[in-house]
mmCIF file of all heavy atoms, coordinates in Angstrom:
data_MODEL
# 
_entry.id   MODEL 
# 
loop_
_atom_site.group_PDB 
_atom_site.id 
_atom_site.type_symbol 
_atom_site.label_atom_id 
_atom_site.label_alt_id 
_atom_site.label_comp_id 
_atom_site.label_asym_id 
_atom_site.label_entity_id 
_atom_site.label_seq_id 
_atom_site.pdbx_PDB_ins_code 
_atom_site.Cartn_x 
_atom_site.Cartn_y 
_atom_site.Cartn_z 
_atom_site.occupancy 
_atom_site.B_iso_or_equiv 
_atom_site.pdbx_formal_charge 
_atom_site.auth_seq_id 
_atom_site.auth_comp_id 
_atom_site.auth_asym_id 
_atom_site.auth_atom_id 
_atom_site.pdbx_PDB_model_num 
ATOM 1   N N   . MET A 1 1  ? -55.892 -33.366 10.012  1.00 0.00 ? 1  MET A N   1 
ATOM 2   C CA  . MET A 1 1  ? -57.310 -33.500 10.402  1.00 0.00 ? 1  MET A CA  1 
ATOM 3   C C   . MET A 1 1  ? -57.678 -32.977 11.706  1.00 0.00 ? 1  MET A C   1 
ATOM 4   O O   . MET A 1 1  ? -56.833 -33.123 12.684  1.00 0.00 ? 1  MET A O   1 
ATOM 5   C CB  . MET A 1 1  ? -57.832 -34.924 10.345  1.00 0.00 ? 1  MET A CB  1 
ATOM 6   C CG  . MET A 1 1  ? -57.629 -35.614 8.852   1.00 0.00 ? 1  MET A CG  1 
ATOM 7   S SD  . MET A 1 1  ? -58.282 -37.141 8.747   1.00 0.00 ? 1  MET A SD  1 
ATOM 8   C CE  . MET A 1 1  ? -57.978 -37.455 6.943   1.00 0.00 ? 1  MET A CE  1 
ATOM 9   N N   . ASN A 1 2  ? -58.831 -32.250 11.815  1.00 0.00 ? 2  ASN A N   1 
ATOM 10  C CA  . ASN A 1 2  ? -59.362 -31.764 13.165  1.00 0.00 ? 2  ASN A CA  1 
ATOM 11  C C   . ASN A 1 2  ? -60.551 -32.558 13.492  1.00 0.00 ? 2  ASN A C   1 
ATOM 12  O O   . ASN A 1 2  ? -61.631 -32.481 12.999  1.00 0.00 ? 2  ASN A O   1 
ATOM 13  C CB  . ASN A 1 2  ? -59.789 -30.398 12.969  1.00 0.00 ? 2  ASN A CB  1 
ATOM 14  C CG  . ASN A 1 2  ? -60.116 -29.681 14.339  1.00 0.00 ? 2  ASN A CG  1 
ATOM 15  O OD1 . ASN A 1 2  ? -60.432 -30.454 15.285  1.00 0.00 ? 2  ASN A OD1 1 
ATOM 16  N ND2 . ASN A 1 2  ? -59.982 -28.444 14.490  1.00 0.00 ? 2  ASN A ND2 1 
ATOM 17  N N   . PRO A 1 3  ? -60.370 -33.601 14.439  1.00 0.00 ? 3  PRO A N   1 
ATOM 18  C CA  . PRO A 1 3  ? -61.525 -34.466 14.870  1.00 0.00 ? 3  PRO A CA  1 
ATOM 19  C C   . PRO A 1 3  ? -62.741 -33.736 15.371  1.00 0.00 ? 3  PRO A C   1 
ATOM 20  O O   . PRO A 1 3  ? -63.852 -34.160 15.305  1.00 0.00 ? 3  PRO A O   1 
ATOM 21  C CB  . PRO A 1 3  ? -60.930 -35.317 15.865  1.00 0.00 ? 3  PRO A CB  1 
ATOM 22  C CG  . PRO A 1 3  ? -59.466 -35.304 15.662  1.00 0.00 ? 3  PRO A CG  1 
ATOM 23  C CD  . PRO A 1 3  ? -59.174 -33.923 15.269  1.00 0.00 ? 3  PRO A CD  1 
ATOM 24  N N   . MET A 1 4  ? -62.578 -32.484 15.885  1.00 0.00 ? 4  MET A N   1 
ATOM 25  C CA  . MET A 1 4  ? -63.653 -31.766 16.458  1.00 0.00 ? 4  MET A CA  1 
ATOM 26  C C   . MET A 1 4  ? -64.452 -31.205 15.451  1.00 0.00 ? 4  MET A C   1 
ATOM 27  O O   . MET A 1 4  ? -65.727 -31.108 15.495  1.00 0.00 ? 4  MET A O   1 
ATOM 28  C CB  . MET A 1 4  ? -63.021 -30.720 17.554  1.00 0.00 ? 4  MET A CB  1 
ATOM 29  C CG  . MET A 1 4  ? -62.344 -31.388 18.601  1.00 0.00 ? 4  MET A CG  1 
ATOM 30  S SD  . MET A 1 4  ? -61.458 -30.283 19.616  1.00 0.00 ? 4  MET A SD  1 
ATOM 31  C CE  . MET A 1 4  ? -62.912 -29.447 20.481  1.00 0.00 ? 4  MET A CE  1 
ATOM 32  N N   . THR A 1 5  ? -63.896 -30.578 14.398  1.00 0.00 ? 5  THR A N   1 
ATOM 33  C CA  . THR A 1 5  ? -64.611 -29.832 13.316  1.00 0.00 ? 5  THR A CA  1 
ATOM 34  C C   . THR A 1 5  ? -64.773 -30.685 12.149  1.00 0.00 ? 5  THR A C   1 
ATOM 35  O O   . THR A 1 5  ? -65.427 -30.188 11.208  1.00 0.00 ? 5  THR A O   1 
ATOM 36  C CB  . THR A 1 5  ? -63.922 -28.475 12.936  1.00 0.00 ? 5  THR A CB  1 
ATOM 37  O OG1 . THR A 1 5  ? -62.626 -28.819 12.508  1.00 0.00 ? 5  THR A OG1 1 
ATOM 38  C CG2 . THR A 1 5  ? -63.667 -27.624 14.323  1.00 0.00 ? 5  THR A CG2 1 
ATOM 39  N N   . LYS A 1 6  ? -64.103 -31.894 12.064  1.00 0.00 ? 6  LYS A N   1 
ATOM 40  C CA  . LYS A 1 6  ? -64.041 -32.725 10.861  1.00 0.00 ? 6  LYS A CA  1 
ATOM 41  C C   . LYS A 1 6  ? -63.366 -32.055 9.642   1.00 0.00 ? 6  LYS A C   1 
ATOM 42  O O   . LYS A 1 6  ? -63.606 -32.438 8.536   1.00 0.00 ? 6  LYS A O   1 
ATOM 43  C CB  . LYS A 1 6  ? -65.578 -33.125 10.499  1.00 0.00 ? 6  LYS A CB  1 
ATOM 44  C CG  . LYS A 1 6  ? -66.343 -33.686 11.595  1.00 0.00 ? 6  LYS A CG  1 
ATOM 45  C CD  . LYS A 1 6  ? -65.593 -34.976 12.209  1.00 0.00 ? 6  LYS A CD  1 
ATOM 46  C CE  . LYS A 1 6  ? -66.374 -35.560 13.402  1.00 0.00 ? 6  LYS A CE  1 
ATOM 47  N NZ  . LYS A 1 6  ? -65.673 -36.645 13.976  1.00 0.00 ? 6  LYS A NZ  1 
ATOM 48  N N   . PHE A 1 7  ? -62.697 -30.996 9.963   1.00 0.00 ? 7  PHE A N   1 
ATOM 49  C CA  . PHE A 1 7  ? -61.861 -30.325 8.882   1.00 0.00 ? 7  PHE A CA  1 
ATOM 50  C C   . PHE A 1 7  ? -60.634 -31.106 8.482   1.00 0.00 ? 7  PHE A C   1 
ATOM 51  O O   . PHE A 1 7  ? -59.840 -31.540 9.252   1.00 0.00 ? 7  PHE A O   1 
ATOM 52  C CB  . PHE A 1 7  ? -61.529 -28.995 9.234   1.00 0.00 ? 7  PHE A CB  1 
ATOM 53  C CG  . PHE A 1 7  ? -60.599 -28.182 8.248   1.00 0.00 ? 7  PHE A CG  1 
ATOM 54  C CD1 . PHE A 1 7  ? -61.148 -27.704 7.083   1.00 0.00 ? 7  PHE A CD1 1 
ATOM 55  C CD2 . PHE A 1 7  ? -59.246 -28.198 8.417   1.00 0.00 ? 7  PHE A CD2 1 
ATOM 56  C CE1 . PHE A 1 7  ? -60.363 -27.075 6.195   1.00 0.00 ? 7  PHE A CE1 1 
ATOM 57  C CE2 . PHE A 1 7  ? -58.431 -27.548 7.498   1.00 0.00 ? 7  PHE A CE2 1 
ATOM 58  C CZ  . PHE A 1 7  ? -58.971 -27.040 6.402   1.00 0.00 ? 7  PHE A CZ  1 
ATOM 59  N N   . THR A 1 8  ? -60.461 -31.335 7.144   1.00 0.00 ? 8  THR A N   1 
ATOM 60  C CA  . THR A 1 8  ? -59.442 -32.137 6.636   1.00 0.00 ? 8  THR A CA  1 
ATOM 61  C C   . THR A 1 8  ? -58.604 -31.359 5.509   1.00 0.00 ? 8  THR A C   1 
ATOM 62  O O   . THR A 1 8  ? -59.276 -30.641 4.712   1.00 0.00 ? 8  THR A O   1 
ATOM 63  C CB  . THR A 1 8  ? -59.927 -33.394 5.886   1.00 0.00 ? 8  THR A CB  1 
ATOM 64  O OG1 . THR A 1 8  ? -60.652 -34.178 6.893   1.00 0.00 ? 8  THR A OG1 1 
ATOM 65  C CG2 . THR A 1 8  ? -58.803 -34.251 5.374   1.00 0.00 ? 8  THR A CG2 1 
ATOM 66  N N   . ARG A 1 9  ? -57.345 -31.376 5.670   1.00 0.00 ? 9  ARG A N   1 
ATOM 67  C CA  . ARG A 1 9  ? -56.521 -30.546 4.745   1.00 0.00 ? 9  ARG A CA  1 
ATOM 68  C C   . ARG A 1 9  ? -55.444 -31.522 4.260   1.00 0.00 ? 9  ARG A C   1 
ATOM 69  O O   . ARG A 1 9  ? -54.755 -32.190 5.011   1.00 0.00 ? 9  ARG A O   1 
ATOM 70  C CB  . ARG A 1 9  ? -55.848 -29.333 5.459   1.00 0.00 ? 9  ARG A CB  1 
ATOM 71  C CG  . ARG A 1 9  ? -55.004 -28.474 4.482   1.00 0.00 ? 9  ARG A CG  1 
ATOM 72  C CD  . ARG A 1 9  ? -54.589 -27.179 5.196   1.00 0.00 ? 9  ARG A CD  1 
ATOM 73  N NE  . ARG A 1 9  ? -53.715 -27.353 6.269   1.00 0.00 ? 9  ARG A NE  1 
ATOM 74  C CZ  . ARG A 1 9  ? -52.337 -27.297 6.070   1.00 0.00 ? 9  ARG A CZ  1 
ATOM 75  N NH1 . ARG A 1 9  ? -51.811 -27.200 4.897   1.00 0.00 ? 9  ARG A NH1 1 
ATOM 76  N NH2 . ARG A 1 9  ? -51.572 -27.462 7.170   1.00 0.00 ? 9  ARG A NH2 1 
ATOM 77  N N   . LEU A 1 10 ? -55.205 -31.501 2.921   1.00 0.00 ? 10 LEU A N   1 
ATOM 78  C CA  . LEU A 1 10 ? -54.051 -32.257 2.292   1.00 0.00 ? 10 LEU A CA  1 
ATOM 79  C C   . LEU A 1 10 ? -52.806 -31.329 2.546   1.00 0.00 ? 10 LEU A C   1 
ATOM 80  O O   . LEU A 1 10 ? -52.689 -30.214 2.022   1.00 0.00 ? 10 LEU A O   1 
ATOM 81  C CB  . LEU A 1 10 ? -54.313 -32.447 0.801   1.00 0.00 ? 10 LEU A CB  1 
ATOM 82  C CG  . LEU A 1 10 ? -53.156 -33.104 0.030   1.00 0.00 ? 10 LEU A CG  1 
ATOM 83  C CD1 . LEU A 1 10 ? -52.902 -34.510 0.604   1.00 0.00 ? 10 LEU A CD1 1 
ATOM 84  C CD2 . LEU A 1 10 ? -53.436 -33.035 -1.525  1.00 0.00 ? 10 LEU A CD2 1 
ATOM 85  N N   . VAL A 1 11 ? -51.812 -31.973 3.242   1.00 0.00 ? 11 VAL A N   1 
ATOM 86  C CA  . VAL A 1 11 ? -50.522 -31.292 3.476   1.00 0.00 ? 11 VAL A CA  1 
ATOM 87  C C   . VAL A 1 11 ? -49.584 -31.493 2.372   1.00 0.00 ? 11 VAL A C   1 
ATOM 88  O O   . VAL A 1 11 ? -48.798 -30.596 1.881   1.00 0.00 ? 11 VAL A O   1 
ATOM 89  C CB  . VAL A 1 11 ? -50.018 -31.702 4.902   1.00 0.00 ? 11 VAL A CB  1 
ATOM 90  C CG1 . VAL A 1 11 ? -48.706 -31.084 5.023   1.00 0.00 ? 11 VAL A CG1 1 
ATOM 91  C CG2 . VAL A 1 11 ? -51.028 -31.254 5.978   1.00 0.00 ? 11 VAL A CG2 1 
ATOM 92  N N   . HIS A 1 12 ? -49.479 -32.811 1.905   1.00 0.00 ? 12 HIS A N   1 
ATOM 93  C CA  . HIS A 1 12 ? -48.497 -33.103 0.939   1.00 0.00 ? 12 HIS A CA  1 
ATOM 94  C C   . HIS A 1 12 ? -49.071 -34.361 0.180   1.00 0.00 ? 12 HIS A C   1 
ATOM 95  O O   . HIS A 1 12 ? -49.525 -35.324 0.725   1.00 0.00 ? 12 HIS A O   1 
ATOM 96  C CB  . HIS A 1 12 ? -47.124 -33.482 1.667   1.00 0.00 ? 12 HIS A CB  1 
ATOM 97  C CG  . HIS A 1 12 ? -46.081 -33.941 0.723   1.00 0.00 ? 12 HIS A CG  1 
ATOM 98  N ND1 . HIS A 1 12 ? -45.340 -33.128 0.005   1.00 0.00 ? 12 HIS A ND1 1 
ATOM 99  C CD2 . HIS A 1 12 ? -45.636 -35.174 0.149   1.00 0.00 ? 12 HIS A CD2 1 
ATOM 100 C CE1 . HIS A 1 12 ? -44.517 -33.601 -0.805  1.00 0.00 ? 12 HIS A CE1 1 
ATOM 101 N NE2 . HIS A 1 12 ? -44.687 -35.031 -0.731  1.00 0.00 ? 12 HIS A NE2 1 
ATOM 102 N N   . SER A 1 13 ? -48.822 -34.368 -1.111  1.00 0.00 ? 13 SER A N   1 
ATOM 103 C CA  . SER A 1 13 ? -49.001 -35.455 -1.929  1.00 0.00 ? 13 SER A CA  1 
ATOM 104 C C   . SER A 1 13 ? -47.823 -35.658 -2.876  1.00 0.00 ? 13 SER A C   1 
ATOM 105 O O   . SER A 1 13 ? -47.509 -34.816 -3.622  1.00 0.00 ? 13 SER A O   1 
ATOM 106 C CB  . SER A 1 13 ? -50.198 -35.176 -2.918  1.00 0.00 ? 13 SER A CB  1 
ATOM 107 O OG  . SER A 1 13 ? -50.568 -36.329 -3.713  1.00 0.00 ? 13 SER A OG  1 
ATOM 108 N N   . GLU A 1 14 ? -47.067 -36.936 -2.682  1.00 0.00 ? 14 GLU A N   1 
ATOM 109 C CA  . GLU A 1 14 ? -45.822 -37.067 -3.391  1.00 0.00 ? 14 GLU A CA  1 
ATOM 110 C C   . GLU A 1 14 ? -46.276 -37.467 -4.901  1.00 0.00 ? 14 GLU A C   1 
ATOM 111 O O   . GLU A 1 14 ? -45.377 -37.201 -5.761  1.00 0.00 ? 14 GLU A O   1 
ATOM 112 C CB  . GLU A 1 14 ? -45.321 -38.364 -2.702  1.00 0.00 ? 14 GLU A CB  1 
ATOM 113 C CG  . GLU A 1 14 ? -43.783 -38.617 -3.240  1.00 0.00 ? 14 GLU A CG  1 
ATOM 114 C CD  . GLU A 1 14 ? -42.831 -37.565 -2.777  1.00 0.00 ? 14 GLU A CD  1 
ATOM 115 O OE1 . GLU A 1 14 ? -43.175 -36.693 -2.047  1.00 0.00 ? 14 GLU A OE1 1 
ATOM 116 O OE2 . GLU A 1 14 ? -41.679 -37.633 -3.087  1.00 0.00 ? 14 GLU A OE2 1 
ATOM 117 N N   . LYS A 1 15 ? -47.352 -38.173 -5.115  1.00 0.00 ? 15 LYS A N   1 
ATOM 118 C CA  . LYS A 1 15 ? -47.799 -38.347 -6.519  1.00 0.00 ? 15 LYS A CA  1 
ATOM 119 C C   . LYS A 1 15 ? -49.167 -37.974 -6.597  1.00 0.00 ? 15 LYS A C   1 
ATOM 120 O O   . LYS A 1 15 ? -49.724 -37.189 -5.857  1.00 0.00 ? 15 LYS A O   1 
ATOM 121 C CB  . LYS A 1 15 ? -47.503 -39.820 -6.922  1.00 0.00 ? 15 LYS A CB  1 
ATOM 122 C CG  . LYS A 1 15 ? -46.043 -40.198 -7.197  1.00 0.00 ? 15 LYS A CG  1 
ATOM 123 C CD  . LYS A 1 15 ? -45.902 -41.610 -7.660  1.00 0.00 ? 15 LYS A CD  1 
ATOM 124 C CE  . LYS A 1 15 ? -44.513 -41.924 -8.027  1.00 0.00 ? 15 LYS A CE  1 
ATOM 125 N NZ  . LYS A 1 15 ? -44.336 -43.363 -8.527  1.00 0.00 ? 15 LYS A NZ  1 
ATOM 126 N N   . THR A 1 16 ? -49.963 -38.581 -7.642  1.00 0.00 ? 16 THR A N   1 
ATOM 127 C CA  . THR A 1 16 ? -51.328 -38.290 -7.924  1.00 0.00 ? 16 THR A CA  1 
ATOM 128 C C   . THR A 1 16 ? -52.059 -38.708 -6.656  1.00 0.00 ? 16 THR A C   1 
ATOM 129 O O   . THR A 1 16 ? -51.919 -39.705 -6.156  1.00 0.00 ? 16 THR A O   1 
ATOM 130 C CB  . THR A 1 16 ? -51.829 -38.948 -8.987  1.00 0.00 ? 16 THR A CB  1 
ATOM 131 O OG1 . THR A 1 16 ? -50.977 -38.531 -10.328 1.00 0.00 ? 16 THR A OG1 1 
ATOM 132 C CG2 . THR A 1 16 ? -53.268 -38.600 -9.441  1.00 0.00 ? 16 THR A CG2 1 
ATOM 133 N N   . LEU A 1 17 ? -52.966 -37.841 -6.214  1.00 0.00 ? 17 LEU A N   1 
ATOM 134 C CA  . LEU A 1 17 ? -53.759 -38.201 -5.004  1.00 0.00 ? 17 LEU A CA  1 
ATOM 135 C C   . LEU A 1 17 ? -54.818 -39.156 -5.376  1.00 0.00 ? 17 LEU A C   1 
ATOM 136 O O   . LEU A 1 17 ? -55.675 -38.939 -6.324  1.00 0.00 ? 17 LEU A O   1 
ATOM 137 C CB  . LEU A 1 17 ? -54.419 -36.788 -4.524  1.00 0.00 ? 17 LEU A CB  1 
ATOM 138 C CG  . LEU A 1 17 ? -55.343 -37.006 -3.304  1.00 0.00 ? 17 LEU A CG  1 
ATOM 139 C CD1 . LEU A 1 17 ? -54.474 -37.437 -2.109  1.00 0.00 ? 17 LEU A CD1 1 
ATOM 140 C CD2 . LEU A 1 17 ? -56.029 -35.618 -3.023  1.00 0.00 ? 17 LEU A CD2 1 
ATOM 141 N N   . LEU A 1 18 ? -54.873 -40.279 -4.758  1.00 0.00 ? 18 LEU A N   1 
ATOM 142 C CA  . LEU A 1 18 ? -55.852 -41.414 -4.995  1.00 0.00 ? 18 LEU A CA  1 
ATOM 143 C C   . LEU A 1 18 ? -56.833 -41.500 -3.940  1.00 0.00 ? 18 LEU A C   1 
ATOM 144 O O   . LEU A 1 18 ? -57.506 -42.531 -3.844  1.00 0.00 ? 18 LEU A O   1 
ATOM 145 C CB  . LEU A 1 18 ? -55.053 -42.648 -5.165  1.00 0.00 ? 18 LEU A CB  1 
ATOM 146 C CG  . LEU A 1 18 ? -54.007 -42.756 -6.311  1.00 0.00 ? 18 LEU A CG  1 
ATOM 147 C CD1 . LEU A 1 18 ? -53.391 -44.148 -6.431  1.00 0.00 ? 18 LEU A CD1 1 
ATOM 148 C CD2 . LEU A 1 18 ? -54.880 -42.475 -7.737  1.00 0.00 ? 18 LEU A CD2 1 
ATOM 149 N N   . CYS A 1 19 ? -56.852 -40.522 -2.900  1.00 0.00 ? 19 CYS A N   1 
ATOM 150 C CA  . CYS A 1 19 ? -57.814 -40.643 -1.691  1.00 0.00 ? 19 CYS A CA  1 
ATOM 151 C C   . CYS A 1 19 ? -58.604 -39.453 -1.602  1.00 0.00 ? 19 CYS A C   1 
ATOM 152 O O   . CYS A 1 19 ? -58.201 -38.263 -1.872  1.00 0.00 ? 19 CYS A O   1 
ATOM 153 C CB  . CYS A 1 19 ? -56.884 -40.830 -0.531  1.00 0.00 ? 19 CYS A CB  1 
ATOM 154 S SG  . CYS A 1 19 ? -57.881 -40.839 1.061   1.00 0.00 ? 19 CYS A SG  1 
ATOM 155 N N   . ASP A 1 20 ? -59.925 -39.591 -1.499  1.00 0.00 ? 20 ASP A N   1 
ATOM 156 C CA  . ASP A 1 20 ? -60.894 -38.525 -1.511  1.00 0.00 ? 20 ASP A CA  1 
ATOM 157 C C   . ASP A 1 20 ? -61.212 -38.062 -0.017  1.00 0.00 ? 20 ASP A C   1 
ATOM 158 O O   . ASP A 1 20 ? -62.205 -37.609 0.364   1.00 0.00 ? 20 ASP A O   1 
ATOM 159 C CB  . ASP A 1 20 ? -62.203 -38.991 -2.048  1.00 0.00 ? 20 ASP A CB  1 
ATOM 160 C CG  . ASP A 1 20 ? -63.038 -37.792 -2.394  1.00 0.00 ? 20 ASP A CG  1 
ATOM 161 O OD1 . ASP A 1 20 ? -62.501 -36.695 -2.600  1.00 0.00 ? 20 ASP A OD1 1 
ATOM 162 O OD2 . ASP A 1 20 ? -64.361 -37.854 -2.324  1.00 0.00 ? 20 ASP A OD2 1 
ATOM 163 N N   . ALA A 1 21 ? -60.194 -38.260 0.877   1.00 0.00 ? 21 ALA A N   1 
ATOM 164 C CA  . ALA A 1 21 ? -60.309 -37.900 2.307   1.00 0.00 ? 21 ALA A CA  1 
ATOM 165 C C   . ALA A 1 21 ? -60.551 -36.381 2.515   1.00 0.00 ? 21 ALA A C   1 
ATOM 166 O O   . ALA A 1 21 ? -61.237 -36.040 3.471   1.00 0.00 ? 21 ALA A O   1 
ATOM 167 C CB  . ALA A 1 21 ? -59.093 -38.396 3.117   1.00 0.00 ? 21 ALA A CB  1 
ATOM 168 N N   . VAL A 1 22 ? -60.039 -35.539 1.701   1.00 0.00 ? 22 VAL A N   1 
ATOM 169 C CA  . VAL A 1 22 ? -60.271 -34.200 1.793   1.00 0.00 ? 22 VAL A CA  1 
ATOM 170 C C   . VAL A 1 22 ? -61.623 -33.766 1.752   1.00 0.00 ? 22 VAL A C   1 
ATOM 171 O O   . VAL A 1 22 ? -62.148 -32.823 2.496   1.00 0.00 ? 22 VAL A O   1 
ATOM 172 C CB  . VAL A 1 22 ? -59.582 -33.353 0.701   1.00 0.00 ? 22 VAL A CB  1 
ATOM 173 C CG1 . VAL A 1 22 ? -59.847 -31.909 0.691   1.00 0.00 ? 22 VAL A CG1 1 
ATOM 174 C CG2 . VAL A 1 22 ? -57.946 -33.570 0.876   1.00 0.00 ? 22 VAL A CG2 1 
ATOM 175 N N   . ASN A 1 23 ? -62.478 -34.409 0.857   1.00 0.00 ? 23 ASN A N   1 
ATOM 176 C CA  . ASN A 1 23 ? -63.902 -33.993 0.812   1.00 0.00 ? 23 ASN A CA  1 
ATOM 177 C C   . ASN A 1 23 ? -64.810 -34.765 1.590   1.00 0.00 ? 23 ASN A C   1 
ATOM 178 O O   . ASN A 1 23 ? -65.997 -34.311 1.920   1.00 0.00 ? 23 ASN A O   1 
ATOM 179 C CB  . ASN A 1 23 ? -64.309 -34.169 -0.726  1.00 0.00 ? 23 ASN A CB  1 
ATOM 180 C CG  . ASN A 1 23 ? -63.541 -33.192 -1.645  1.00 0.00 ? 23 ASN A CG  1 
ATOM 181 O OD1 . ASN A 1 23 ? -63.210 -32.004 -1.274  1.00 0.00 ? 23 ASN A OD1 1 
ATOM 182 N ND2 . ASN A 1 23 ? -62.999 -33.801 -2.713  1.00 0.00 ? 23 ASN A ND2 1 
ATOM 183 N N   . SER A 1 24 ? -64.430 -35.996 2.012   1.00 0.00 ? 24 SER A N   1 
ATOM 184 C CA  . SER A 1 24 ? -65.392 -36.841 2.622   1.00 0.00 ? 24 SER A CA  1 
ATOM 185 C C   . SER A 1 24 ? -64.856 -37.509 3.931   1.00 0.00 ? 24 SER A C   1 
ATOM 186 O O   . SER A 1 24 ? -65.424 -38.541 4.373   1.00 0.00 ? 24 SER A O   1 
ATOM 187 C CB  . SER A 1 24 ? -65.989 -37.837 1.679   1.00 0.00 ? 24 SER A CB  1 
ATOM 188 O OG  . SER A 1 24 ? -64.858 -38.613 1.093   1.00 0.00 ? 24 SER A OG  1 
ATOM 189 N N   . GLY A 1 25 ? -63.870 -37.136 4.490   1.00 0.00 ? 25 GLY A N   1 
ATOM 190 C CA  . GLY A 1 25 ? -63.276 -37.623 5.749   1.00 0.00 ? 25 GLY A CA  1 
ATOM 191 C C   . GLY A 1 25 ? -62.547 -38.837 5.523   1.00 0.00 ? 25 GLY A C   1 
ATOM 192 O O   . GLY A 1 25 ? -62.280 -39.253 4.443   1.00 0.00 ? 25 GLY A O   1 
ATOM 193 N N   . CYS A 1 26 ? -61.909 -39.463 6.631   1.00 0.00 ? 26 CYS A N   1 
ATOM 194 C CA  . CYS A 1 26 ? -60.885 -40.491 6.480   1.00 0.00 ? 26 CYS A CA  1 
ATOM 195 C C   . CYS A 1 26 ? -61.294 -41.624 7.514   1.00 0.00 ? 26 CYS A C   1 
ATOM 196 O O   . CYS A 1 26 ? -61.559 -41.428 8.588   1.00 0.00 ? 26 CYS A O   1 
ATOM 197 C CB  . CYS A 1 26 ? -59.537 -39.957 6.928   1.00 0.00 ? 26 CYS A CB  1 
ATOM 198 S SG  . CYS A 1 26 ? -58.228 -41.244 6.931   1.00 0.00 ? 26 CYS A SG  1 
ATOM 199 N N   . ARG A 1 27 ? -61.368 -42.858 6.937   1.00 0.00 ? 27 ARG A N   1 
ATOM 200 C CA  . ARG A 1 27 ? -61.687 -43.994 7.737   1.00 0.00 ? 27 ARG A CA  1 
ATOM 201 C C   . ARG A 1 27 ? -60.730 -44.309 8.785   1.00 0.00 ? 27 ARG A C   1 
ATOM 202 O O   . ARG A 1 27 ? -61.030 -44.828 9.834   1.00 0.00 ? 27 ARG A O   1 
ATOM 203 C CB  . ARG A 1 27 ? -62.076 -45.173 6.800   1.00 0.00 ? 27 ARG A CB  1 
ATOM 204 C CG  . ARG A 1 27 ? -62.555 -46.366 7.588   1.00 0.00 ? 27 ARG A CG  1 
ATOM 205 C CD  . ARG A 1 27 ? -62.971 -47.563 6.667   1.00 0.00 ? 27 ARG A CD  1 
ATOM 206 N NE  . ARG A 1 27 ? -63.382 -48.616 7.371   1.00 0.00 ? 27 ARG A NE  1 
ATOM 207 C CZ  . ARG A 1 27 ? -63.102 -49.838 7.230   1.00 0.00 ? 27 ARG A CZ  1 
ATOM 208 N NH1 . ARG A 1 27 ? -62.190 -50.151 6.227   1.00 0.00 ? 27 ARG A NH1 1 
ATOM 209 N NH2 . ARG A 1 27 ? -63.609 -50.771 7.892   1.00 0.00 ? 27 ARG A NH2 1 
ATOM 210 N N   . ALA A 1 28 ? -59.429 -44.188 8.377   1.00 0.00 ? 28 ALA A N   1 
ATOM 211 C CA  . ALA A 1 28 ? -58.380 -44.541 9.320   1.00 0.00 ? 28 ALA A CA  1 
ATOM 212 C C   . ALA A 1 28 ? -58.413 -43.540 10.492  1.00 0.00 ? 28 ALA A C   1 
ATOM 213 O O   . ALA A 1 28 ? -58.097 -44.028 11.591  1.00 0.00 ? 28 ALA A O   1 
ATOM 214 C CB  . ALA A 1 28 ? -56.921 -44.346 8.554   1.00 0.00 ? 28 ALA A CB  1 
ATOM 215 N N   . ASP A 1 29 ? -58.806 -42.314 10.317  1.00 0.00 ? 29 ASP A N   1 
ATOM 216 C CA  . ASP A 1 29 ? -58.849 -41.412 11.376  1.00 0.00 ? 29 ASP A CA  1 
ATOM 217 C C   . ASP A 1 29 ? -59.957 -41.719 12.345  1.00 0.00 ? 29 ASP A C   1 
ATOM 218 O O   . ASP A 1 29 ? -59.904 -41.561 13.574  1.00 0.00 ? 29 ASP A O   1 
ATOM 219 C CB  . ASP A 1 29 ? -59.014 -39.861 10.897  1.00 0.00 ? 29 ASP A CB  1 
ATOM 220 C CG  . ASP A 1 29 ? -58.736 -38.860 11.944  1.00 0.00 ? 29 ASP A CG  1 
ATOM 221 O OD1 . ASP A 1 29 ? -57.795 -38.975 12.782  1.00 0.00 ? 29 ASP A OD1 1 
ATOM 222 O OD2 . ASP A 1 29 ? -59.665 -37.953 12.110  1.00 0.00 ? 29 ASP A OD2 1 
# 
């Protein structure tokens, strides 16, 4: 994640992706 541009990229998913952080940001971040 880029906090300045809010750009998020999925680098690796070990199983089925259950998080929509790619499209709508991440609360943990």
